[in-house]
Amino acid sequence: MFGTSIHWTTFFYLLIDTFIVLLIFYHHSTKKILSNHFRFLKLGLLFIAYNATGGFLPFENFPGPFILQYIITYGVAITLCIYLIYYLYKEYDIVVVRMHFSIQNLIILASTSFIVLFLIPYFFTNSLYWARIFFTIPISVVAFIFLWYFYKRISNLENPNRFFLIRNKFSVLSVSCIALLPIFTVIGDYQWLTFTTMNLAFYGVTAIKVDSHLYFLENKTKMYKIFSWNEKQNDHLIKNGIVYQNLTRREIEVSLSILSNLTYKEIAKDLFIAESTVSKHASNIFKKTGVKNKRQFLTRFRKKFKN
C-alpha cells in the first residue's frame, strides 16, 4: 500500500489503535488523567508506533544504512513487549518470579541479546536470516518460560470471580502474543500474521480495561456509601492529622473483596499480591473511611451490600 511494504491488515490495525487512543484521550481530556489511564495511553501509542514502523519499514529511499531500519523496527517491538509486561505488572499486580523477570532484568536481557545475537552476527555474515535465527531462538525459549510461569501463577484461583477470571484470560492472551512474536519473526515477513497476533495483545488489554470499568459500574452501589462516608469524614480526617485521599483502583478492589467476606489470604490469591500488601491496602482503606479495623468496616458497610 502507498508504494511501501505495509500490508492492508497492518494499516487497518494502525487505524483501530489510533481510534482507541484518541477515544481514551478525548474521554479524559476534560479532567485529570489518572496514572492507569496514562499508562494505557502510552501503551496505545507504542502499538501505533509498532504498526507504523513495522509496516512501512524497510523501504529503499530511507536515509542511512539499511540495517538502521531494522534497528528501529526491532527497537520499537522490544520496547513494546517490555512495556506491555510492565503495564500488566503495574495495573494488575500479576508479578511472576519477580527476581528473574523484573522489568530491569528484561530490559538488560532484551537489549544485550539484540546487540550480541542480532547486530554482531549481521555485521559478520551480512545476512538478516542468520541474524534473526541467532537472536530469536534463545529469546523464544525465554519468552515461553516466562509464559509458563505466568500462566501457572495466575491460574491458581481458589475463589474464582467473573471479573478476575476474564482479566486473567486476557492477560494470558496478551503474554502469549508476546511469546509468539520471535517465532513469527523467524518464519518471515508475513505482516498479516505477525501484526494480527501482536495487536490481539492490545485488544486483550483493552478488553480488560472495558471489563474493569463495567465491573465497577456493577458494584457502584456497594461503593457509593463508602465514597459518601469519605466525603463526610474529609474535614474530620484532616483535623486529626490524617491525609485524605480518594480510594485508588486497587483499594476499591480490596474493599469489594472485604465486603464479600473474603479473608486477606483469599484476597491476596485472587489479586496475585502478597497478603502483607492486602493488609497495607486495608489499613489505608480503614483510615480513608474513618474506621479503626476490619470489624468496624464490615459492621458499617456490609449490611447494605449483601447479594
C-alpha atoms as a PDB file:
ATOM      1  CA  MET A   1       0.000   0.000   0.000  1.00  0.00           C
ATOM      2  CA  PHE A   2       1.047   3.632  -0.695  1.00  0.00           C
ATOM      3  CA  GLY A   3       4.125   2.344  -2.505  1.00  0.00           C
ATOM      4  CA  THR A   4       5.517   0.876   0.744  1.00  0.00           C
ATOM      5  CA  SER A   5       5.782  -2.575   2.302  1.00  0.00           C
ATOM      6  CA  ILE A   6       2.819  -2.057   4.640  1.00  0.00           C
ATOM      7  CA  HIS A   7       0.081  -4.683   4.339  1.00  0.00           C
ATOM      8  CA  TRP A   8      -3.562  -3.639   4.371  1.00  0.00           C
ATOM      9  CA  THR A   9      -4.158  -5.580   7.609  1.00  0.00           C
ATOM     10  CA  THR A  10      -1.354  -3.671   9.362  1.00  0.00           C
ATOM     11  CA  PHE A  11      -2.782  -0.363   8.148  1.00  0.00           C
ATOM     12  CA  PHE A  12      -6.212  -1.453   9.395  1.00  0.00           C
ATOM     13  CA  TYR A  13      -4.801  -2.217  12.864  1.00  0.00           C
ATOM     14  CA  LEU A  14      -2.992   1.125  12.798  1.00  0.00           C
ATOM     15  CA  LEU A  15      -6.317   2.903  12.260  1.00  0.00           C
ATOM     16  CA  ILE A  16      -8.085   0.907  15.010  1.00  0.00           C
ATOM     17  CA  ASP A  17      -5.308   1.518  17.564  1.00  0.00           C
ATOM     18  CA  THR A  18      -5.254   5.220  16.729  1.00  0.00           C
ATOM     19  CA  PHE A  19      -9.023   5.398  17.188  1.00  0.00           C
ATOM     20  CA  ILE A  20      -8.828   3.688  20.603  1.00  0.00           C
ATOM     21  CA  VAL A  21      -6.085   6.038  21.815  1.00  0.00           C
ATOM     22  CA  LEU A  22      -7.940   9.131  20.579  1.00  0.00           C
ATOM     23  CA  LEU A  23     -11.154   7.892  22.206  1.00  0.00           C
ATOM     24  CA  ILE A  24      -9.454   7.430  25.592  1.00  0.00           C
ATOM     25  CA  PHE A  25      -7.703  10.775  25.285  1.00  0.00           C
ATOM     26  CA  TYR A  26     -10.938  12.554  24.355  1.00  0.00           C
ATOM     27  CA  HIS A  27     -12.820  10.882  27.198  1.00  0.00           C
ATOM     28  CA  HIS A  28     -10.306  12.187  29.734  1.00  0.00           C
ATOM     29  CA  SER A  29      -9.426  15.494  28.032  1.00  0.00           C
ATOM     30  CA  THR A  30     -11.756  17.496  30.276  1.00  0.00           C
ATOM     31  CA  LYS A  31     -10.417  16.066  33.533  1.00  0.00           C
ATOM     32  CA  LYS A  32      -7.208  14.886  35.094  1.00  0.00           C
ATOM     33  CA  ILE A  33      -5.851  11.723  33.502  1.00  0.00           C
ATOM     34  CA  LEU A  34      -5.224   9.095  36.179  1.00  0.00           C
ATOM     35  CA  SER A  35      -1.957   7.163  36.176  1.00  0.00           C
ATOM     36  CA  ASN A  36      -3.576   3.924  34.981  1.00  0.00           C
ATOM     37  CA  HIS A  37      -5.236   5.722  32.042  1.00  0.00           C
ATOM     38  CA  PHE A  38      -1.950   7.455  31.248  1.00  0.00           C
ATOM     39  CA  ARG A  39      -0.159   4.101  31.148  1.00  0.00           C
ATOM     40  CA  PHE A  40      -2.832   2.766  28.800  1.00  0.00           C
ATOM     41  CA  LEU A  41      -2.368   5.779  26.513  1.00  0.00           C
ATOM     42  CA  LYS A  42       1.398   5.189  26.406  1.00  0.00           C
ATOM     43  CA  LEU A  43       0.793   1.528  25.614  1.00  0.00           C
ATOM     44  CA  GLY A  44      -1.570   2.515  22.792  1.00  0.00           C
ATOM     45  CA  LEU A  45       0.976   4.960  21.379  1.00  0.00           C
ATOM     46  CA  LEU A  46       3.612   2.222  21.402  1.00  0.00           C
ATOM     47  CA  PHE A  47       1.286  -0.060  19.433  1.00  0.00           C
ATOM     48  CA  ILE A  48       0.721   2.744  16.932  1.00  0.00           C
ATOM     49  CA  ALA A  49       4.493   3.178  16.611  1.00  0.00           C
ATOM     50  CA  TYR A  50       4.929  -0.597  16.256  1.00  0.00           C
ATOM     51  CA  ASN A  51       2.362  -0.815  13.448  1.00  0.00           C
ATOM     52  CA  ALA A  52       3.795   2.226  11.681  1.00  0.00           C
ATOM     53  CA  THR A  53       7.492   1.301  11.856  1.00  0.00           C
ATOM     54  CA  GLY A  54       6.983  -2.411  11.278  1.00  0.00           C
ATOM     55  CA  GLY A  55       4.506  -1.764   8.472  1.00  0.00           C
ATOM     56  CA  PHE A  56       6.218   0.996   6.495  1.00  0.00           C
ATOM     57  CA  LEU A  57       9.826  -0.121   7.059  1.00  0.00           C
ATOM     58  CA  PRO A  58      12.001  -1.103   5.335  1.00  0.00           C
ATOM     59  CA  PHE A  59      11.887   0.987   2.165  1.00  0.00           C
ATOM     60  CA  GLU A  60      14.589   1.822  -0.360  1.00  0.00           C
ATOM     61  CA  ASN A  61      14.723   5.615  -0.032  1.00  0.00           C
ATOM     62  CA  PHE A  62      15.277   5.573   3.726  1.00  0.00           C
ATOM     63  CA  PRO A  63      18.279   7.784   4.642  1.00  0.00           C
ATOM     64  CA  GLY A  64      21.164   5.957   6.246  1.00  0.00           C
ATOM     65  CA  PRO A  65      22.330   2.335   6.239  1.00  0.00           C
ATOM     66  CA  PHE A  66      19.785  -0.409   5.576  1.00  0.00           C
ATOM     67  CA  ILE A  67      20.341  -2.070   8.969  1.00  0.00           C
ATOM     68  CA  LEU A  68      19.245   1.156  10.686  1.00  0.00           C
ATOM     69  CA  GLN A  69      15.652   0.445   9.624  1.00  0.00           C
ATOM     70  CA  TYR A  70      15.761  -2.932  11.371  1.00  0.00           C
ATOM     71  CA  ILE A  71      17.301  -1.372  14.461  1.00  0.00           C
ATOM     72  CA  ILE A  72      14.307   0.994  14.579  1.00  0.00           C
ATOM     73  CA  THR A  73      11.654  -1.691  13.999  1.00  0.00           C
ATOM     74  CA  TYR A  74      13.219  -4.205  16.407  1.00  0.00           C
ATOM     75  CA  GLY A  75      13.832  -1.467  18.974  1.00  0.00           C
ATOM     76  CA  VAL A  76      10.184  -0.398  18.910  1.00  0.00           C
ATOM     77  CA  ALA A  77       8.985  -4.036  19.083  1.00  0.00           C
ATOM     78  CA  ILE A  78      11.252  -4.840  22.050  1.00  0.00           C
ATOM     79  CA  THR A  79      10.192  -1.654  23.864  1.00  0.00           C
ATOM     80  CA  LEU A  80       6.535  -2.515  23.243  1.00  0.00           C
ATOM     81  CA  CYS A  81       6.863  -6.052  24.612  1.00  0.00           C
ATOM     82  CA  ILE A  82       8.669  -4.915  27.755  1.00  0.00           C
ATOM     83  CA  TYR A  83       6.232  -2.075  28.367  1.00  0.00           C
ATOM     84  CA  LEU A  84       3.257  -4.409  27.927  1.00  0.00           C
ATOM     85  CA  ILE A  85       4.672  -6.655  30.668  1.00  0.00           C
ATOM     86  CA  TYR A  86       5.336  -3.555  32.803  1.00  0.00           C
ATOM     87  CA  TYR A  87       1.720  -2.483  32.190  1.00  0.00           C
ATOM     88  CA  LEU A  88       0.403  -5.813  33.453  1.00  0.00           C
ATOM     89  CA  TYR A  89       2.707  -5.656  36.468  1.00  0.00           C
ATOM     90  CA  LYS A  90       1.559  -2.151  37.403  1.00  0.00           C
ATOM     91  CA  GLU A  91      -2.122  -2.426  36.584  1.00  0.00           C
ATOM     92  CA  TYR A  92      -2.971  -5.899  37.857  1.00  0.00           C
ATOM     93  CA  ASP A  93      -0.120  -6.861  40.209  1.00  0.00           C
ATOM     94  CA  ILE A  94       0.409 -10.038  38.205  1.00  0.00           C
ATOM     95  CA  VAL A  95       4.065 -10.451  39.116  1.00  0.00           C
ATOM     96  CA  VAL A  96       5.742 -13.724  38.150  1.00  0.00           C
ATOM     97  CA  VAL A  97       9.113 -14.790  39.596  1.00  0.00           C
ATOM     98  CA  ARG A  98       9.928 -11.136  40.218  1.00  0.00           C
ATOM     99  CA  MET A  99      13.627 -11.716  40.856  1.00  0.00           C
ATOM    100  CA  HIS A 100      14.211 -13.309  37.452  1.00  0.00           C
ATOM    101  CA  PHE A 101      11.644 -11.494  35.351  1.00  0.00           C
ATOM    102  CA  SER A 102      11.797  -7.991  36.773  1.00  0.00           C
ATOM    103  CA  ILE A 103      11.441  -5.175  34.257  1.00  0.00           C
ATOM    104  CA  GLN A 104      15.087  -4.222  34.754  1.00  0.00           C
ATOM    105  CA  ASN A 105      16.266  -7.767  34.017  1.00  0.00           C
ATOM    106  CA  LEU A 106      14.018  -7.977  30.952  1.00  0.00           C
ATOM    107  CA  ILE A 107      15.457  -4.721  29.577  1.00  0.00           C
ATOM    108  CA  ILE A 108      19.026  -5.933  30.113  1.00  0.00           C
ATOM    109  CA  LEU A 109      18.269  -9.328  28.567  1.00  0.00           C
ATOM    110  CA  ALA A 110      16.479  -7.922  25.506  1.00  0.00           C
ATOM    111  CA  SER A 111      18.968  -5.135  24.741  1.00  0.00           C
ATOM    112  CA  THR A 112      22.024  -7.337  25.292  1.00  0.00           C
ATOM    113  CA  SER A 113      20.582 -10.160  23.188  1.00  0.00           C
ATOM    114  CA  PHE A 114      19.749  -7.766  20.363  1.00  0.00           C
ATOM    115  CA  ILE A 115      23.291  -6.401  20.258  1.00  0.00           C
ATOM    116  CA  VAL A 116      25.146  -9.699  20.768  1.00  0.00           C
ATOM    117  CA  LEU A 117      22.831 -12.091  18.943  1.00  0.00           C
ATOM    118  CA  PHE A 118      21.452  -9.887  16.149  1.00  0.00           C
ATOM    119  CA  LEU A 119      23.690  -6.923  15.303  1.00  0.00           C
ATOM    120  CA  ILE A 120      27.058  -8.648  15.688  1.00  0.00           C
ATOM    121  CA  PRO A 121      26.064 -11.746  13.634  1.00  0.00           C
ATOM    122  CA  TYR A 122      24.609  -9.429  10.962  1.00  0.00           C
ATOM    123  CA  PHE A 123      27.836  -7.451  10.627  1.00  0.00           C
ATOM    124  CA  PHE A 124      29.840 -10.678  10.355  1.00  0.00           C
ATOM    125  CA  THR A 125      27.523 -12.546   7.972  1.00  0.00           C
ATOM    126  CA  ASN A 126      25.682  -9.642   6.291  1.00  0.00           C
ATOM    127  CA  SER A 127      22.628 -11.918   6.458  1.00  0.00           C
ATOM    128  CA  LEU A 128      19.332 -10.909   8.055  1.00  0.00           C
ATOM    129  CA  TYR A 129      18.236 -14.545   8.027  1.00  0.00           C
ATOM    130  CA  TRP A 130      21.073 -15.766  10.245  1.00  0.00           C
ATOM    131  CA  ALA A 131      20.882 -12.687  12.448  1.00  0.00           C
ATOM    132  CA  ARG A 132      17.197 -13.463  13.064  1.00  0.00           C
ATOM    133  CA  ILE A 133      17.961 -17.101  13.812  1.00  0.00           C
ATOM    134  CA  PHE A 134      20.681 -16.279  16.356  1.00  0.00           C
ATOM    135  CA  PHE A 135      18.501 -13.664  18.043  1.00  0.00           C
ATOM    136  CA  THR A 136      15.036 -15.168  18.071  1.00  0.00           C
ATOM    137  CA  ILE A 137      15.703 -18.792  19.101  1.00  0.00           C
ATOM    138  CA  PRO A 138      17.070 -18.029  22.614  1.00  0.00           C
ATOM    139  CA  ILE A 139      14.579 -15.170  23.034  1.00  0.00           C
ATOM    140  CA  SER A 140      11.747 -17.562  22.127  1.00  0.00           C
ATOM    141  CA  VAL A 141      12.893 -20.032  24.780  1.00  0.00           C
ATOM    142  CA  VAL A 142      12.960 -17.314  27.447  1.00  0.00           C
ATOM    143  CA  ALA A 143       9.564 -15.984  26.292  1.00  0.00           C
ATOM    144  CA  PHE A 144       7.863 -19.373  26.632  1.00  0.00           C
ATOM    145  CA  ILE A 145       9.463 -19.996  30.022  1.00  0.00           C
ATOM    146  CA  PHE A 146       8.039 -16.670  31.143  1.00  0.00           C
ATOM    147  CA  LEU A 147       4.633 -17.572  29.665  1.00  0.00           C
ATOM    148  CA  TRP A 148       4.643 -20.896  31.519  1.00  0.00           C
ATOM    149  CA  TYR A 149       5.423 -19.268  34.882  1.00  0.00           C
ATOM    150  CA  PHE A 150       2.904 -16.527  34.151  1.00  0.00           C
ATOM    151  CA  TYR A 151       0.090 -18.968  33.356  1.00  0.00           C
ATOM    152  CA  LYS A 152       0.959 -21.216  36.291  1.00  0.00           C
ATOM    153  CA  ARG A 153       0.860 -18.247  38.671  1.00  0.00           C
ATOM    154  CA  ILE A 154      -2.426 -16.673  37.613  1.00  0.00           C
ATOM    155  CA  SER A 155      -4.355 -19.912  37.046  1.00  0.00           C
ATOM    156  CA  ASN A 156      -4.265 -20.651  40.788  1.00  0.00           C
ATOM    157  CA  LEU A 157      -7.627 -19.168  41.734  1.00  0.00           C
ATOM    158  CA  GLU A 158      -9.308 -20.626  44.810  1.00  0.00           C
ATOM    159  CA  ASN A 159     -12.232 -18.177  44.799  1.00  0.00           C
ATOM    160  CA  PRO A 160     -12.959 -17.500  41.123  1.00  0.00           C
ATOM    161  CA  ASN A 161     -14.660 -14.195  40.394  1.00  0.00           C
ATOM    162  CA  ARG A 162     -16.013 -13.326  36.942  1.00  0.00           C
ATOM    163  CA  PHE A 163     -14.014 -10.120  36.762  1.00  0.00           C
ATOM    164  CA  PHE A 164     -10.732 -11.748  37.826  1.00  0.00           C
ATOM    165  CA  LEU A 165     -11.244 -14.770  35.561  1.00  0.00           C
ATOM    166  CA  ILE A 166     -11.821 -12.595  32.489  1.00  0.00           C
ATOM    167  CA  ARG A 167      -8.913 -10.353  33.376  1.00  0.00           C
ATOM    168  CA  ASN A 168      -6.574 -13.312  33.776  1.00  0.00           C
ATOM    169  CA  LYS A 169      -7.618 -14.927  30.478  1.00  0.00           C
ATOM    170  CA  PHE A 170      -6.971 -11.749  28.512  1.00  0.00           C
ATOM    171  CA  SER A 171      -3.675 -11.250  30.366  1.00  0.00           C
ATOM    172  CA  VAL A 172      -2.549 -14.744  29.316  1.00  0.00           C
ATOM    173  CA  LEU A 173      -3.632 -13.953  25.745  1.00  0.00           C
ATOM    174  CA  SER A 174      -1.514 -10.801  25.740  1.00  0.00           C
ATOM    175  CA  VAL A 175       1.587 -12.543  27.095  1.00  0.00           C
ATOM    176  CA  SER A 176       1.071 -15.448  24.651  1.00  0.00           C
ATOM    177  CA  CYS A 177       1.162 -12.971  21.777  1.00  0.00           C
ATOM    178  CA  ILE A 178       4.473 -11.620  23.057  1.00  0.00           C
ATOM    179  CA  ALA A 179       5.894 -15.160  23.300  1.00  0.00           C
ATOM    180  CA  LEU A 180       4.837 -15.925  19.708  1.00  0.00           C
ATOM    181  CA  LEU A 181       6.412 -12.786  18.218  1.00  0.00           C
ATOM    182  CA  PRO A 182      10.004 -14.159  17.976  1.00  0.00           C
ATOM    183  CA  ILE A 183       8.730 -17.316  16.230  1.00  0.00           C
ATOM    184  CA  PHE A 184       6.794 -15.311  13.638  1.00  0.00           C
ATOM    185  CA  THR A 185       9.886 -13.165  13.106  1.00  0.00           C
ATOM    186  CA  VAL A 186      11.889 -16.254  12.142  1.00  0.00           C
ATOM    187  CA  ILE A 187       9.144 -17.559   9.851  1.00  0.00           C
ATOM    188  CA  GLY A 188       9.332 -14.420   7.713  1.00  0.00           C
ATOM    189  CA  ASP A 189       7.825 -11.034   6.972  1.00  0.00           C
ATOM    190  CA  TYR A 190       4.178 -12.085   6.998  1.00  0.00           C
ATOM    191  CA  GLN A 191       2.596  -8.908   8.304  1.00  0.00           C
ATOM    192  CA  TRP A 192      -0.938 -10.288   8.293  1.00  0.00           C
ATOM    193  CA  LEU A 193       0.176 -12.985  10.767  1.00  0.00           C
ATOM    194  CA  THR A 194       2.672 -11.125  12.943  1.00  0.00           C
ATOM    195  CA  PHE A 195       0.728  -7.889  13.319  1.00  0.00           C
ATOM    196  CA  THR A 196      -2.585  -9.661  13.838  1.00  0.00           C
ATOM    197  CA  THR A 197      -1.073 -11.598  16.725  1.00  0.00           C
ATOM    198  CA  MET A 198       0.591  -8.579  18.344  1.00  0.00           C
ATOM    199  CA  ASN A 199      -2.466  -6.360  18.033  1.00  0.00           C
ATOM    200  CA  LEU A 200      -4.530  -9.069  19.712  1.00  0.00           C
ATOM    201  CA  ALA A 201      -2.395  -8.351  22.785  1.00  0.00           C
ATOM    202  CA  PHE A 202      -3.513  -4.708  22.728  1.00  0.00           C
ATOM    203  CA  TYR A 203      -7.144  -5.627  22.194  1.00  0.00           C
ATOM    204  CA  GLY A 204      -6.887  -8.091  25.092  1.00  0.00           C
ATOM    205  CA  VAL A 205      -5.638  -5.309  27.386  1.00  0.00           C
ATOM    206  CA  THR A 206      -8.373  -3.017  26.035  1.00  0.00           C
ATOM    207  CA  ALA A 207     -10.980  -5.677  26.839  1.00  0.00           C
ATOM    208  CA  ILE A 208      -9.615  -5.894  30.390  1.00  0.00           C
ATOM    209  CA  LYS A 209      -9.924  -2.125  30.761  1.00  0.00           C
ATOM    210  CA  VAL A 210     -13.509  -2.113  29.462  1.00  0.00           C
ATOM    211  CA  ASP A 211     -14.487  -5.044  31.695  1.00  0.00           C
ATOM    212  CA  SER A 212     -12.864  -3.343  34.685  1.00  0.00           C
ATOM    213  CA  HIS A 213     -14.997  -0.254  34.056  1.00  0.00           C
ATOM    214  CA  LEU A 214     -18.139  -2.384  33.785  1.00  0.00           C
ATOM    215  CA  TYR A 215     -17.204  -4.282  36.958  1.00  0.00           C
ATOM    216  CA  PHE A 216     -17.024  -1.094  38.975  1.00  0.00           C
ATOM    217  CA  LEU A 217     -20.271   0.143  37.453  1.00  0.00           C
ATOM    218  CA  GLU A 218     -21.951  -3.088  38.578  1.00  0.00           C
ATOM    219  CA  ASN A 219     -20.629  -2.570  42.086  1.00  0.00           C
ATOM    220  CA  LYS A 220     -21.119   1.177  42.299  1.00  0.00           C
ATOM    221  CA  THR A 221     -23.988   0.740  44.769  1.00  0.00           C
ATOM    222  CA  LYS A 222     -21.589  -1.081  47.080  1.00  0.00           C
ATOM    223  CA  MET A 223     -19.070   1.713  46.868  1.00  0.00           C
ATOM    224  CA  TYR A 224     -21.482   4.649  46.984  1.00  0.00           C
ATOM    225  CA  LYS A 225     -21.820   4.706  50.757  1.00  0.00           C
ATOM    226  CA  ILE A 226     -18.057   4.304  51.190  1.00  0.00           C
ATOM    227  CA  PHE A 227     -17.396   7.266  48.893  1.00  0.00           C
ATOM    228  CA  SER A 228     -20.125   9.258  50.649  1.00  0.00           C
ATOM    229  CA  TRP A 229     -18.561   8.475  54.011  1.00  0.00           C
ATOM    230  CA  ASN A 230     -15.222   9.615  52.625  1.00  0.00           C
ATOM    231  CA  GLU A 231     -16.704  12.995  51.790  1.00  0.00           C
ATOM    232  CA  LYS A 232     -18.339  13.384  55.215  1.00  0.00           C
ATOM    233  CA  GLN A 233     -15.129  12.410  57.009  1.00  0.00           C
ATOM    234  CA  ASN A 234     -12.895  14.707  54.960  1.00  0.00           C
ATOM    235  CA  ASP A 235     -12.734  17.564  57.478  1.00  0.00           C
ATOM    236  CA  HIS A 236     -12.586  15.177  60.409  1.00  0.00           C
ATOM    237  CA  LEU A 237      -9.618  13.278  58.971  1.00  0.00           C
ATOM    238  CA  ILE A 238      -7.696  16.435  58.182  1.00  0.00           C
ATOM    239  CA  LYS A 239      -8.278  17.842  61.673  1.00  0.00           C
ATOM    240  CA  ASN A 240      -6.895  14.618  63.132  1.00  0.00           C
ATOM    241  CA  GLY A 241      -3.758  14.795  61.024  1.00  0.00           C
ATOM    242  CA  ILE A 242      -4.699  12.053  58.597  1.00  0.00           C
ATOM    243  CA  VAL A 243      -4.054  12.874  54.946  1.00  0.00           C
ATOM    244  CA  TYR A 244      -7.274  12.423  52.998  1.00  0.00           C
ATOM    245  CA  GLN A 245      -7.244  10.814  49.564  1.00  0.00           C
ATOM    246  CA  ASN A 246      -9.812   9.042  47.427  1.00  0.00           C
ATOM    247  CA  LEU A 247      -9.710   5.266  47.247  1.00  0.00           C
ATOM    248  CA  THR A 248      -7.434   4.002  44.491  1.00  0.00           C
ATOM    249  CA  ARG A 249      -8.493   1.378  41.957  1.00  0.00           C
ATOM    250  CA  ARG A 250      -6.695  -1.341  43.909  1.00  0.00           C
ATOM    251  CA  GLU A 251      -8.217  -0.172  47.194  1.00  0.00           C
ATOM    252  CA  ILE A 252     -11.672  -0.369  45.608  1.00  0.00           C
ATOM    253  CA  GLU A 253     -10.989  -3.972  44.568  1.00  0.00           C
ATOM    254  CA  VAL A 254      -9.789  -4.842  48.059  1.00  0.00           C
ATOM    255  CA  SER A 255     -12.834  -3.078  49.568  1.00  0.00           C
ATOM    256  CA  LEU A 256     -15.220  -5.100  47.427  1.00  0.00           C
ATOM    257  CA  SER A 257     -13.417  -8.307  48.358  1.00  0.00           C
ATOM    258  CA  ILE A 258     -13.586  -7.489  52.066  1.00  0.00           C
ATOM    259  CA  LEU A 259     -17.298  -6.734  51.728  1.00  0.00           C
ATOM    260  CA  SER A 260     -17.660 -10.167  50.088  1.00  0.00           C
ATOM    261  CA  ASN A 261     -16.327 -11.615  53.372  1.00  0.00           C
ATOM    262  CA  LEU A 262     -13.050 -12.875  51.913  1.00  0.00           C
ATOM    263  CA  THR A 263     -10.032 -13.230  54.169  1.00  0.00           C
ATOM    264  CA  TYR A 264      -6.813 -11.327  53.460  1.00  0.00           C
ATOM    265  CA  LYS A 265      -5.230 -14.592  52.352  1.00  0.00           C
ATOM    266  CA  GLU A 266      -8.047 -15.258  49.870  1.00  0.00           C
ATOM    267  CA  ILE A 267      -7.911 -11.690  48.572  1.00  0.00           C
ATOM    268  CA  ALA A 268      -4.150 -11.989  48.082  1.00  0.00           C
ATOM    269  CA  LYS A 269      -4.593 -15.132  45.974  1.00  0.00           C
ATOM    270  CA  ASP A 270      -7.369 -13.580  43.891  1.00  0.00           C
ATOM    271  CA  LEU A 271      -5.411 -10.383  43.226  1.00  0.00           C
ATOM    272  CA  PHE A 272      -1.993 -12.108  42.945  1.00  0.00           C
ATOM    273  CA  ILE A 273      -0.387  -9.934  45.568  1.00  0.00           C
ATOM    274  CA  ALA A 274       1.231 -10.635  48.919  1.00  0.00           C
ATOM    275  CA  GLU A 275      -1.001 -10.948  51.978  1.00  0.00           C
ATOM    276  CA  SER A 276       1.008  -8.153  53.591  1.00  0.00           C
ATOM    277  CA  THR A 277       0.146  -5.930  50.620  1.00  0.00           C
ATOM    278  CA  VAL A 278      -3.562  -6.651  51.146  1.00  0.00           C
ATOM    279  CA  SER A 279      -3.157  -5.731  54.801  1.00  0.00           C
ATOM    280  CA  LYS A 280      -1.491  -2.456  53.825  1.00  0.00           C
ATOM    281  CA  HIS A 281      -4.286  -1.620  51.371  1.00  0.00           C
ATOM    282  CA  ALA A 282      -6.865  -2.487  54.015  1.00  0.00           C
ATOM    283  CA  SER A 283      -5.175  -0.206  56.528  1.00  0.00           C
ATOM    284  CA  ASN A 284      -5.335   2.676  54.039  1.00  0.00           C
ATOM    285  CA  ILE A 285      -8.998   1.907  53.327  1.00  0.00           C
ATOM    286  CA  PHE A 286      -9.890   1.951  57.021  1.00  0.00           C
ATOM    287  CA  LYS A 287      -8.181   5.325  57.506  1.00  0.00           C
ATOM    288  CA  LYS A 288      -9.927   6.827  54.489  1.00  0.00           C
ATOM    289  CA  THR A 289     -13.347   5.562  55.536  1.00  0.00           C
ATOM    290  CA  GLY A 290     -12.998   6.620  59.147  1.00  0.00           C
ATOM    291  CA  VAL A 291     -12.937   3.188  60.803  1.00  0.00           C
ATOM    292  CA  LYS A 292     -10.355   1.562  63.035  1.00  0.00           C
ATOM    293  CA  ASN A 293     -10.319  -2.017  61.775  1.00  0.00           C
ATOM    294  CA  LYS A 294     -11.896  -4.631  59.516  1.00  0.00           C
ATOM    295  CA  ARG A 295     -14.657  -5.445  62.001  1.00  0.00           C
ATOM    296  CA  GLN A 296     -15.835  -1.831  62.119  1.00  0.00           C
ATOM    297  CA  PHE A 297     -15.581  -1.589  58.320  1.00  0.00           C
ATOM    298  CA  LEU A 298     -17.811  -4.644  57.851  1.00  0.00           C
ATOM    299  CA  THR A 299     -20.255  -3.509  60.515  1.00  0.00           C
ATOM    300  CA  ARG A 300     -20.641  -0.104  58.901  1.00  0.00           C
ATOM    301  CA  PHE A 301     -20.894  -1.126  55.254  1.00  0.00           C
ATOM    302  CA  ARG A 302     -21.628  -4.839  54.731  1.00  0.00           C
ATOM    303  CA  LYS A 303     -25.270  -4.911  55.900  1.00  0.00           C
ATOM    304  CA  LYS A 304     -26.395  -2.825  52.937  1.00  0.00           C
ATOM    305  CA  PHE A 305     -24.329  -4.797  50.419  1.00  0.00           C
ATOM    306  CA  LYS A 306     -25.447  -8.395  50.843  1.00  0.00           C
ATOM    307  CA  ASN A 307     -26.006 -10.018  47.455  1.00  0.00           C
END
